[in-house]
Amino acid sequence: MNTTIDHTPVQRRLALTAGAAALLATLAGCGTQRIADYANEKPALDLRSYFNGTLDAYGVFTDRSGKVVKRFTVVMNCTWQGDNGVLDEDFSYSDGTKQKRVWRLTRLADGSYTGQADDVVGVALGESRGNAFHWAYTLSLPVDGKVYEVQFDDWMYLVNDKVMLNKAAMSKFGFGLGEVTLSFTKR
């Protein structure tokens, strides 16, 4: 008994269209995350509480293929006065170089945040929901004697009262350059 079905060109086209629509629907569901997705996640992140005191961070830069191109540690001394905070960061890189960045953060009335630092172009904008903080900014990044303006799409997730994980995608002109992954530990 032959069970082969001979589909007409119209049936094949309809089947392909349905398959493409299903694929697009699946991919649309995999789109960018939203801060609202984390609204009910615990423990709740209060940036002013977590980034207060001394923290240690350990991280890696990876290129677009996922290869680790640089490792680093950061010691952060953080203070807040009301809705204004200072995150004083001292970086030590695996190649022996050192860097300092001082963030000046402001919590706005709607609960969102702005931030500025000497190597940040313009103002960083961020918001927090549940255990997550999303931060977007442009950083002047020195690479091999040149300085590039690189966009960061930065996500932080509070794991417990001592540990937060951070993943930041780097891009230029909309093209992915790589990622920064860090773990913060509050002393």
N, C-alpha and C. Protein backbone atom coordinates (compact mmCIF):
# COMPACT_ATOMS: atom_id res chain seq x y z
N MET A 1 0.84 -1.17 0.00
CA MET A 1 0.00 0.00 0.00
C MET A 1 0.89 1.24 0.00
N ASN A 2 0.65 2.11 -0.92
CA ASN A 2 1.43 3.32 -1.05
C ASN A 2 0.72 4.44 -0.30
N THR A 3 1.43 5.02 0.76
CA THR A 3 0.82 6.09 1.56
C THR A 3 1.39 7.45 1.22
N THR A 4 2.12 7.57 0.13
CA THR A 4 2.70 8.83 -0.28
C THR A 4 1.59 9.76 -0.75
N ILE A 5 1.67 11.00 -0.23
CA ILE A 5 0.68 12.00 -0.63
C ILE A 5 1.34 12.94 -1.60
N ASP A 6 0.69 13.14 -2.73
CA ASP A 6 1.23 14.05 -3.72
C ASP A 6 0.55 15.40 -3.53
N HIS A 7 1.30 16.36 -2.91
CA HIS A 7 0.72 17.68 -2.65
C HIS A 7 0.82 18.54 -3.89
N THR A 8 -0.20 19.31 -4.11
CA THR A 8 -0.19 20.27 -5.21
C THR A 8 0.71 21.44 -4.82
N PRO A 9 1.15 22.22 -5.81
CA PRO A 9 1.98 23.40 -5.49
C PRO A 9 1.30 24.34 -4.50
N VAL A 10 -0.01 24.49 -4.56
CA VAL A 10 -0.74 25.37 -3.64
C VAL A 10 -0.68 24.80 -2.23
N GLN A 11 -0.84 23.48 -2.08
CA GLN A 11 -0.77 22.85 -0.76
C GLN A 11 0.63 22.99 -0.18
N ARG A 12 1.65 22.81 -1.02
CA ARG A 12 3.03 22.95 -0.53
C ARG A 12 3.29 24.38 -0.08
N ARG A 13 2.81 25.35 -0.87
CA ARG A 13 2.99 26.76 -0.52
C ARG A 13 2.28 27.08 0.79
N LEU A 14 1.06 26.57 0.96
CA LEU A 14 0.33 26.79 2.21
C LEU A 14 1.06 26.16 3.39
N ALA A 15 1.59 24.96 3.20
CA ALA A 15 2.33 24.29 4.27
C ALA A 15 3.59 25.07 4.63
N LEU A 16 4.30 25.56 3.61
CA LEU A 16 5.50 26.35 3.88
C LEU A 16 5.16 27.66 4.57
N THR A 17 4.09 28.32 4.15
CA THR A 17 3.66 29.57 4.78
C THR A 17 3.29 29.33 6.23
N ALA A 18 2.57 28.26 6.51
CA ALA A 18 2.19 27.93 7.89
C ALA A 18 3.42 27.65 8.73
N GLY A 19 4.37 26.93 8.15
CA GLY A 19 5.62 26.64 8.86
C GLY A 19 6.41 27.89 9.16
N ALA A 20 6.48 28.79 8.18
CA ALA A 20 7.20 30.05 8.38
C ALA A 20 6.51 30.90 9.44
N ALA A 21 5.18 30.92 9.43
CA ALA A 21 4.44 31.69 10.43
C ALA A 21 4.67 31.13 11.83
N ALA A 22 4.71 29.80 11.94
CA ALA A 22 4.97 29.17 13.24
C ALA A 22 6.38 29.51 13.72
N LEU A 23 7.34 29.50 12.81
CA LEU A 23 8.72 29.84 13.17
C LEU A 23 8.82 31.29 13.63
N LEU A 24 8.17 32.20 12.90
CA LEU A 24 8.20 33.60 13.29
C LEU A 24 7.53 33.82 14.64
N ALA A 25 6.45 33.13 14.90
CA ALA A 25 5.78 33.25 16.19
C ALA A 25 6.68 32.76 17.31
N THR A 26 7.40 31.67 17.06
CA THR A 26 8.33 31.14 18.06
C THR A 26 9.46 32.13 18.29
N LEU A 27 10.03 32.69 17.22
CA LEU A 27 11.12 33.64 17.36
C LEU A 27 10.65 34.92 18.03
N ALA A 28 9.45 35.36 17.77
CA ALA A 28 8.92 36.56 18.41
C ALA A 28 8.83 36.35 19.91
N GLY A 29 8.50 35.14 20.33
CA GLY A 29 8.45 34.82 21.75
C GLY A 29 9.83 34.83 22.38
N CYS A 30 10.88 34.74 21.58
CA CYS A 30 12.25 34.73 22.07
C CYS A 30 12.87 36.11 21.97
N GLY A 31 12.06 37.15 21.75
CA GLY A 31 12.58 38.50 21.58
C GLY A 31 13.24 39.01 22.84
N THR A 32 13.62 40.26 22.81
CA THR A 32 14.32 40.85 23.93
C THR A 32 13.49 40.81 25.20
N GLN A 33 14.22 40.63 26.29
CA GLN A 33 13.55 40.61 27.58
C GLN A 33 13.12 42.01 27.96
N ARG A 34 12.16 42.07 28.86
CA ARG A 34 11.65 43.35 29.35
C ARG A 34 11.80 43.36 30.87
N ILE A 35 12.04 44.52 31.44
CA ILE A 35 12.21 44.62 32.89
C ILE A 35 10.94 44.16 33.61
N ALA A 36 9.78 44.38 33.00
CA ALA A 36 8.52 43.95 33.61
C ALA A 36 8.46 42.43 33.81
N ASP A 37 9.23 41.68 33.02
CA ASP A 37 9.25 40.22 33.15
C ASP A 37 9.71 39.78 34.53
N TYR A 38 10.41 40.65 35.27
CA TYR A 38 11.01 40.29 36.56
C TYR A 38 10.28 40.89 37.75
N ALA A 39 9.15 41.55 37.52
CA ALA A 39 8.46 42.29 38.57
C ALA A 39 8.16 41.45 39.81
N ASN A 40 7.87 40.17 39.65
CA ASN A 40 7.51 39.34 40.79
C ASN A 40 8.65 38.47 41.32
N GLU A 41 9.85 38.65 40.76
CA GLU A 41 10.99 37.83 41.18
C GLU A 41 11.54 38.30 42.53
N LYS A 42 11.96 37.36 43.33
CA LYS A 42 12.52 37.62 44.65
C LYS A 42 13.95 37.10 44.70
N PRO A 43 14.80 37.64 45.52
CA PRO A 43 14.56 38.76 46.42
C PRO A 43 14.49 40.08 45.64
N ALA A 44 13.73 41.01 46.18
CA ALA A 44 13.58 42.30 45.52
C ALA A 44 14.89 43.08 45.62
N LEU A 45 15.28 43.69 44.52
CA LEU A 45 16.52 44.47 44.46
C LEU A 45 16.24 45.93 44.77
N ASP A 46 16.92 46.44 45.79
CA ASP A 46 16.94 47.87 46.07
C ASP A 46 18.38 48.31 45.79
N LEU A 47 18.60 48.99 44.68
CA LEU A 47 19.95 49.39 44.28
C LEU A 47 20.66 50.17 45.38
N ARG A 48 19.92 51.04 46.06
CA ARG A 48 20.52 51.88 47.11
C ARG A 48 21.00 51.04 48.29
N SER A 49 20.34 49.95 48.53
CA SER A 49 20.75 49.07 49.62
C SER A 49 21.88 48.13 49.19
N TYR A 50 21.73 47.51 48.00
CA TYR A 50 22.75 46.56 47.57
C TYR A 50 24.08 47.25 47.27
N PHE A 51 24.05 48.33 46.50
CA PHE A 51 25.28 49.07 46.18
C PHE A 51 25.55 50.10 47.27
N ASN A 52 25.77 49.60 48.48
CA ASN A 52 26.10 50.45 49.61
C ASN A 52 27.13 49.70 50.44
N GLY A 53 28.30 50.28 50.60
CA GLY A 53 29.40 49.59 51.27
C GLY A 53 30.41 49.12 50.22
N THR A 54 31.16 48.07 50.58
CA THR A 54 32.20 47.56 49.68
C THR A 54 31.75 46.27 49.03
N LEU A 55 31.96 46.20 47.72
CA LEU A 55 31.64 44.99 46.95
C LEU A 55 32.87 44.58 46.15
N ASP A 56 32.97 43.29 45.89
CA ASP A 56 33.99 42.74 45.01
C ASP A 56 33.27 42.17 43.80
N ALA A 57 33.87 42.35 42.62
CA ALA A 57 33.28 41.80 41.40
C ALA A 57 34.36 41.07 40.62
N TYR A 58 33.95 40.02 39.92
CA TYR A 58 34.84 39.20 39.12
C TYR A 58 34.19 39.02 37.77
N GLY A 59 34.94 39.30 36.69
CA GLY A 59 34.30 39.26 35.39
C GLY A 59 35.21 38.89 34.25
N VAL A 60 34.57 38.73 33.09
CA VAL A 60 35.26 38.43 31.84
C VAL A 60 34.63 39.24 30.71
N PHE A 61 35.48 39.61 29.74
CA PHE A 61 35.03 40.14 28.46
C PHE A 61 35.10 38.97 27.48
N THR A 62 34.06 38.76 26.71
CA THR A 62 34.10 37.74 25.66
C THR A 62 33.82 38.42 24.33
N ASP A 63 34.47 37.93 23.27
CA ASP A 63 34.21 38.48 21.94
C ASP A 63 32.93 37.84 21.40
N ARG A 64 32.55 38.20 20.19
CA ARG A 64 31.27 37.72 19.65
C ARG A 64 31.23 36.22 19.44
N SER A 65 32.40 35.57 19.40
CA SER A 65 32.42 34.10 19.28
C SER A 65 32.31 33.42 20.64
N GLY A 66 32.38 34.21 21.73
CA GLY A 66 32.31 33.65 23.07
C GLY A 66 33.66 33.42 23.71
N LYS A 67 34.74 33.71 22.99
CA LYS A 67 36.09 33.53 23.52
C LYS A 67 36.39 34.61 24.56
N VAL A 68 36.93 34.19 25.72
CA VAL A 68 37.32 35.15 26.75
C VAL A 68 38.57 35.88 26.27
N VAL A 69 38.47 37.21 26.18
CA VAL A 69 39.61 38.00 25.72
C VAL A 69 40.28 38.76 26.87
N LYS A 70 39.57 38.91 28.00
CA LYS A 70 40.17 39.57 29.15
C LYS A 70 39.37 39.23 30.40
N ARG A 71 40.11 38.99 31.50
CA ARG A 71 39.50 38.78 32.80
C ARG A 71 39.76 40.01 33.66
N PHE A 72 38.93 40.24 34.68
CA PHE A 72 39.16 41.40 35.54
C PHE A 72 38.50 41.22 36.90
N THR A 73 38.98 42.01 37.86
CA THR A 73 38.35 42.10 39.17
C THR A 73 38.05 43.58 39.41
N VAL A 74 37.08 43.83 40.27
CA VAL A 74 36.70 45.20 40.60
C VAL A 74 36.45 45.26 42.11
N VAL A 75 36.98 46.29 42.74
CA VAL A 75 36.61 46.62 44.12
C VAL A 75 35.78 47.88 44.03
N MET A 76 34.57 47.81 44.60
CA MET A 76 33.64 48.94 44.53
C MET A 76 33.37 49.47 45.93
N ASN A 77 33.55 50.77 46.09
CA ASN A 77 33.17 51.44 47.33
C ASN A 77 31.97 52.31 47.01
N CYS A 78 30.84 51.99 47.63
CA CYS A 78 29.57 52.61 47.24
C CYS A 78 28.93 53.33 48.43
N THR A 79 28.42 54.53 48.16
CA THR A 79 27.74 55.31 49.20
C THR A 79 26.50 55.97 48.61
N TRP A 80 25.53 56.21 49.46
CA TRP A 80 24.30 56.90 49.06
C TRP A 80 23.96 57.98 50.08
N GLN A 81 23.47 59.08 49.58
CA GLN A 81 22.87 60.12 50.41
C GLN A 81 21.50 60.37 49.81
N GLY A 82 20.48 59.80 50.44
CA GLY A 82 19.13 59.89 49.89
C GLY A 82 19.05 59.18 48.56
N ASP A 83 18.69 59.89 47.51
CA ASP A 83 18.53 59.31 46.18
C ASP A 83 19.76 59.49 45.29
N ASN A 84 20.87 59.94 45.86
CA ASN A 84 22.10 60.16 45.10
C ASN A 84 23.19 59.21 45.59
N GLY A 85 23.74 58.45 44.65
CA GLY A 85 24.76 57.47 45.01
C GLY A 85 26.04 57.63 44.22
N VAL A 86 27.13 57.16 44.82
CA VAL A 86 28.44 57.14 44.16
C VAL A 86 28.95 55.71 44.21
N LEU A 87 29.28 55.17 43.04
CA LEU A 87 29.89 53.84 42.93
C LEU A 87 31.31 54.06 42.42
N ASP A 88 32.27 53.94 43.32
CA ASP A 88 33.68 54.18 43.01
C ASP A 88 34.32 52.82 42.71
N GLU A 89 34.63 52.58 41.43
CA GLU A 89 35.10 51.27 40.97
C GLU A 89 36.58 51.30 40.61
N ASP A 90 37.34 50.33 41.15
CA ASP A 90 38.75 50.15 40.80
C ASP A 90 38.91 48.81 40.10
N PHE A 91 39.25 48.85 38.81
CA PHE A 91 39.39 47.65 37.98
C PHE A 91 40.85 47.21 37.93
N SER A 92 41.07 45.90 37.98
CA SER A 92 42.38 45.29 37.73
C SER A 92 42.19 44.22 36.67
N TYR A 93 42.88 44.38 35.52
CA TYR A 93 42.71 43.47 34.38
C TYR A 93 43.81 42.41 34.33
N SER A 94 43.50 41.31 33.66
CA SER A 94 44.43 40.18 33.54
C SER A 94 45.72 40.56 32.81
N ASP A 95 45.71 41.63 32.03
CA ASP A 95 46.93 42.06 31.33
C ASP A 95 47.76 43.02 32.17
N GLY A 96 47.35 43.23 33.44
CA GLY A 96 48.10 44.10 34.35
C GLY A 96 47.66 45.54 34.37
N THR A 97 46.76 45.94 33.48
CA THR A 97 46.30 47.34 33.47
C THR A 97 45.29 47.58 34.58
N LYS A 98 45.17 48.84 34.95
CA LYS A 98 44.24 49.29 35.99
C LYS A 98 43.34 50.37 35.39
N GLN A 99 42.16 50.51 35.97
CA GLN A 99 41.21 51.53 35.50
C GLN A 99 40.33 51.95 36.66
N LYS A 100 39.90 53.17 36.65
CA LYS A 100 38.97 53.67 37.67
C LYS A 100 37.75 54.26 36.96
N ARG A 101 36.59 53.97 37.50
CA ARG A 101 35.35 54.58 37.02
C ARG A 101 34.54 54.96 38.25
N VAL A 102 34.03 56.18 38.25
CA VAL A 102 33.19 56.64 39.34
C VAL A 102 31.82 56.97 38.77
N TRP A 103 30.84 56.14 39.13
CA TRP A 103 29.46 56.37 38.71
C TRP A 103 28.80 57.31 39.71
N ARG A 104 28.02 58.26 39.21
CA ARG A 104 27.17 59.12 40.03
C ARG A 104 25.73 58.82 39.62
N LEU A 105 25.02 58.16 40.51
CA LEU A 105 23.66 57.69 40.22
C LEU A 105 22.63 58.57 40.91
N THR A 106 21.47 58.68 40.29
CA THR A 106 20.34 59.39 40.88
C THR A 106 19.09 58.55 40.69
N ARG A 107 18.38 58.32 41.81
CA ARG A 107 17.09 57.64 41.74
C ARG A 107 16.04 58.72 41.53
N LEU A 108 15.24 58.57 40.47
CA LEU A 108 14.21 59.55 40.13
C LEU A 108 12.90 59.22 40.84
N ALA A 109 11.97 60.17 40.83
CA ALA A 109 10.70 60.01 41.54
C ALA A 109 9.92 58.79 41.07
N ASP A 110 10.04 58.42 39.79
CA ASP A 110 9.30 57.25 39.28
C ASP A 110 10.01 55.92 39.57
N GLY A 111 11.15 55.98 40.30
CA GLY A 111 11.89 54.77 40.64
C GLY A 111 12.94 54.38 39.63
N SER A 112 13.02 55.09 38.50
CA SER A 112 14.08 54.80 37.53
C SER A 112 15.36 55.49 37.99
N TYR A 113 16.45 55.21 37.28
CA TYR A 113 17.76 55.75 37.66
C TYR A 113 18.43 56.39 36.47
N THR A 114 19.24 57.42 36.76
CA THR A 114 20.16 57.96 35.78
C THR A 114 21.56 57.79 36.34
N GLY A 115 22.53 57.75 35.45
CA GLY A 115 23.91 57.61 35.90
C GLY A 115 24.86 58.32 34.96
N GLN A 116 25.94 58.82 35.54
CA GLN A 116 26.98 59.47 34.75
C GLN A 116 28.33 59.03 35.28
N ALA A 117 29.30 58.96 34.37
CA ALA A 117 30.69 58.69 34.71
C ALA A 117 31.53 59.37 33.63
N ASP A 118 32.79 59.60 33.94
CA ASP A 118 33.65 60.34 32.99
C ASP A 118 33.74 59.67 31.63
N ASP A 119 33.69 58.34 31.57
CA ASP A 119 33.81 57.65 30.28
C ASP A 119 32.47 57.22 29.70
N VAL A 120 31.37 57.71 30.29
CA VAL A 120 30.04 57.44 29.76
C VAL A 120 29.61 58.63 28.91
N VAL A 121 29.18 58.36 27.69
CA VAL A 121 28.73 59.41 26.78
C VAL A 121 27.27 59.71 27.11
N GLY A 122 26.99 60.95 27.48
CA GLY A 122 25.62 61.31 27.84
C GLY A 122 25.25 60.75 29.20
N VAL A 123 24.01 60.30 29.31
CA VAL A 123 23.48 59.81 30.59
C VAL A 123 23.01 58.38 30.42
N ALA A 124 23.38 57.54 31.38
CA ALA A 124 22.89 56.17 31.42
C ALA A 124 21.49 56.17 32.01
N LEU A 125 20.63 55.31 31.48
CA LEU A 125 19.25 55.21 31.97
C LEU A 125 18.99 53.79 32.43
N GLY A 126 18.33 53.65 33.59
CA GLY A 126 18.05 52.32 34.10
C GLY A 126 16.77 52.26 34.89
N GLU A 127 16.28 51.02 35.03
CA GLU A 127 15.12 50.81 35.87
C GLU A 127 15.18 49.42 36.48
N SER A 128 14.52 49.30 37.62
CA SER A 128 14.56 48.07 38.39
C SER A 128 13.15 47.55 38.62
N ARG A 129 12.99 46.24 38.55
CA ARG A 129 11.73 45.57 38.89
C ARG A 129 12.10 44.22 39.50
N GLY A 130 11.44 43.86 40.58
CA GLY A 130 11.71 42.57 41.21
C GLY A 130 13.17 42.45 41.56
N ASN A 131 13.82 41.38 41.09
CA ASN A 131 15.24 41.16 41.40
C ASN A 131 16.18 41.67 40.31
N ALA A 132 15.66 42.40 39.32
CA ALA A 132 16.46 42.76 38.15
C ALA A 132 16.63 44.28 38.00
N PHE A 133 17.75 44.64 37.36
CA PHE A 133 18.02 46.02 37.01
C PHE A 133 18.50 46.04 35.57
N HIS A 134 17.89 46.87 34.75
CA HIS A 134 18.29 47.02 33.34
C HIS A 134 18.86 48.41 33.16
N TRP A 135 19.99 48.47 32.50
CA TRP A 135 20.79 49.68 32.39
C TRP A 135 21.26 49.80 30.96
N ALA A 136 21.10 50.95 30.32
CA ALA A 136 21.57 51.15 28.94
C ALA A 136 22.39 52.43 28.89
N TYR A 137 23.55 52.34 28.22
CA TYR A 137 24.43 53.49 28.14
C TYR A 137 25.46 53.29 27.03
N THR A 138 26.15 54.39 26.71
CA THR A 138 27.24 54.36 25.74
C THR A 138 28.53 54.66 26.49
N LEU A 139 29.52 53.81 26.28
CA LEU A 139 30.79 53.92 26.98
C LEU A 139 31.90 54.23 25.97
N SER A 140 32.79 55.16 26.31
CA SER A 140 34.00 55.41 25.52
C SER A 140 35.00 54.34 25.93
N LEU A 141 35.26 53.40 25.04
CA LEU A 141 36.05 52.23 25.36
C LEU A 141 37.39 52.26 24.63
N PRO A 142 38.51 52.35 25.39
CA PRO A 142 39.82 52.34 24.74
C PRO A 142 40.21 50.92 24.32
N VAL A 143 40.60 50.77 23.05
CA VAL A 143 41.03 49.48 22.52
C VAL A 143 42.22 49.72 21.60
N ASP A 144 43.37 49.14 21.94
CA ASP A 144 44.57 49.22 21.11
C ASP A 144 44.91 50.64 20.68
N GLY A 145 44.88 51.58 21.64
CA GLY A 145 45.27 52.95 21.35
C GLY A 145 44.19 53.82 20.73
N LYS A 146 43.03 53.27 20.47
CA LYS A 146 41.91 54.04 19.92
C LYS A 146 40.76 54.01 20.93
N VAL A 147 39.84 54.96 20.82
CA VAL A 147 38.68 55.01 21.69
C VAL A 147 37.43 54.86 20.84
N TYR A 148 36.59 53.89 21.21
CA TYR A 148 35.35 53.62 20.49
C TYR A 148 34.16 53.89 21.40
N GLU A 149 33.10 54.45 20.84
CA GLU A 149 31.85 54.60 21.58
C GLU A 149 31.03 53.33 21.37
N VAL A 150 30.84 52.59 22.45
CA VAL A 150 30.21 51.28 22.40
C VAL A 150 28.94 51.31 23.26
N GLN A 151 27.85 50.77 22.72
CA GLN A 151 26.60 50.72 23.47
C GLN A 151 26.57 49.47 24.34
N PHE A 152 26.09 49.65 25.58
CA PHE A 152 25.94 48.56 26.53
C PHE A 152 24.47 48.37 26.86
N ASP A 153 24.02 47.13 26.78
CA ASP A 153 22.69 46.72 27.22
C ASP A 153 22.95 45.81 28.42
N ASP A 154 22.81 46.35 29.61
CA ASP A 154 23.33 45.79 30.84
C ASP A 154 22.18 45.28 31.72
N TRP A 155 22.25 44.01 32.11
CA TRP A 155 21.23 43.39 32.96
C TRP A 155 21.87 42.83 34.21
N MET A 156 21.30 43.16 35.36
CA MET A 156 21.78 42.65 36.65
C MET A 156 20.64 41.90 37.32
N TYR A 157 21.00 40.79 38.01
CA TYR A 157 20.00 39.94 38.67
C TYR A 157 20.47 39.61 40.08
N LEU A 158 19.71 40.05 41.09
CA LEU A 158 20.04 39.76 42.47
C LEU A 158 19.73 38.30 42.76
N VAL A 159 20.73 37.56 43.24
CA VAL A 159 20.56 36.14 43.55
C VAL A 159 20.18 35.98 45.02
N ASN A 160 20.89 36.69 45.90
CA ASN A 160 20.56 36.74 47.32
C ASN A 160 21.09 38.06 47.87
N ASP A 161 21.06 38.27 49.17
CA ASP A 161 21.45 39.57 49.71
C ASP A 161 22.93 39.88 49.53
N LYS A 162 23.75 38.89 49.15
CA LYS A 162 25.18 39.11 48.97
C LYS A 162 25.64 39.04 47.50
N VAL A 163 24.94 38.31 46.65
CA VAL A 163 25.42 38.02 45.29
C VAL A 163 24.46 38.57 44.23
N MET A 164 25.06 39.23 43.23
CA MET A 164 24.30 39.68 42.07
C MET A 164 25.10 39.30 40.82
N LEU A 165 24.41 38.83 39.79
CA LEU A 165 25.03 38.49 38.51
C LEU A 165 24.71 39.58 37.50
N ASN A 166 25.65 39.82 36.58
CA ASN A 166 25.52 40.90 35.62
C ASN A 166 25.96 40.40 34.24
N LYS A 167 25.14 40.68 33.24
CA LYS A 167 25.49 40.33 31.86
C LYS A 167 25.19 41.54 31.00
N ALA A 168 26.21 41.98 30.26
CA ALA A 168 26.05 43.17 29.42
C ALA A 168 26.46 42.83 27.99
N ALA A 169 25.56 43.13 27.05
CA ALA A 169 25.86 42.95 25.63
C ALA A 169 26.44 44.26 25.11
N MET A 170 27.55 44.16 24.37
CA MET A 170 28.20 45.33 23.78
C MET A 170 27.92 45.34 22.28
N SER A 171 27.62 46.54 21.75
CA SER A 171 27.37 46.65 20.31
C SER A 171 27.84 48.00 19.80
N LYS A 172 28.03 48.05 18.49
CA LYS A 172 28.37 49.31 17.81
C LYS A 172 27.62 49.30 16.48
N PHE A 173 26.89 50.37 16.20
CA PHE A 173 26.06 50.46 14.99
C PHE A 173 25.08 49.29 14.90
N GLY A 174 24.64 48.76 16.05
CA GLY A 174 23.68 47.67 16.08
C GLY A 174 24.29 46.29 15.90
N PHE A 175 25.60 46.20 15.73
CA PHE A 175 26.26 44.90 15.56
C PHE A 175 26.88 44.46 16.88
N GLY A 176 26.63 43.22 17.27
CA GLY A 176 27.16 42.69 18.51
C GLY A 176 28.67 42.58 18.46
N LEU A 177 29.32 43.05 19.54
CA LEU A 177 30.77 42.99 19.65
C LEU A 177 31.22 41.91 20.63
N GLY A 178 30.39 41.65 21.62
CA GLY A 178 30.75 40.70 22.65
C GLY A 178 29.94 40.96 23.91
N GLU A 179 30.36 40.35 25.00
CA GLU A 179 29.64 40.47 26.26
C GLU A 179 30.59 40.64 27.42
N VAL A 180 30.07 41.25 28.48
CA VAL A 180 30.76 41.31 29.76
C VAL A 180 29.88 40.54 30.73
N THR A 181 30.50 39.63 31.48
CA THR A 181 29.78 38.86 32.48
C THR A 181 30.50 39.05 33.81
N LEU A 182 29.75 39.40 34.86
CA LEU A 182 30.35 39.60 36.18
C LEU A 182 29.50 39.02 37.28
N SER A 183 30.17 38.77 38.38
CA SER A 183 29.52 38.38 39.62
C SER A 183 29.93 39.38 40.69
N PHE A 184 28.95 40.02 41.33
CA PHE A 184 29.21 40.94 42.44
C PHE A 184 29.02 40.18 43.75
N THR A 185 29.88 40.45 44.72
CA THR A 185 29.73 39.90 46.06
C THR A 185 29.84 41.04 47.07
N LYS A 186 28.81 41.19 47.87
CA LYS A 186 28.78 42.25 48.87
C LYS A 186 29.51 41.75 50.12
N ARG A 187 30.42 42.57 50.62
CA ARG A 187 31.17 42.19 51.83
C ARG A 187 30.31 42.31 53.06
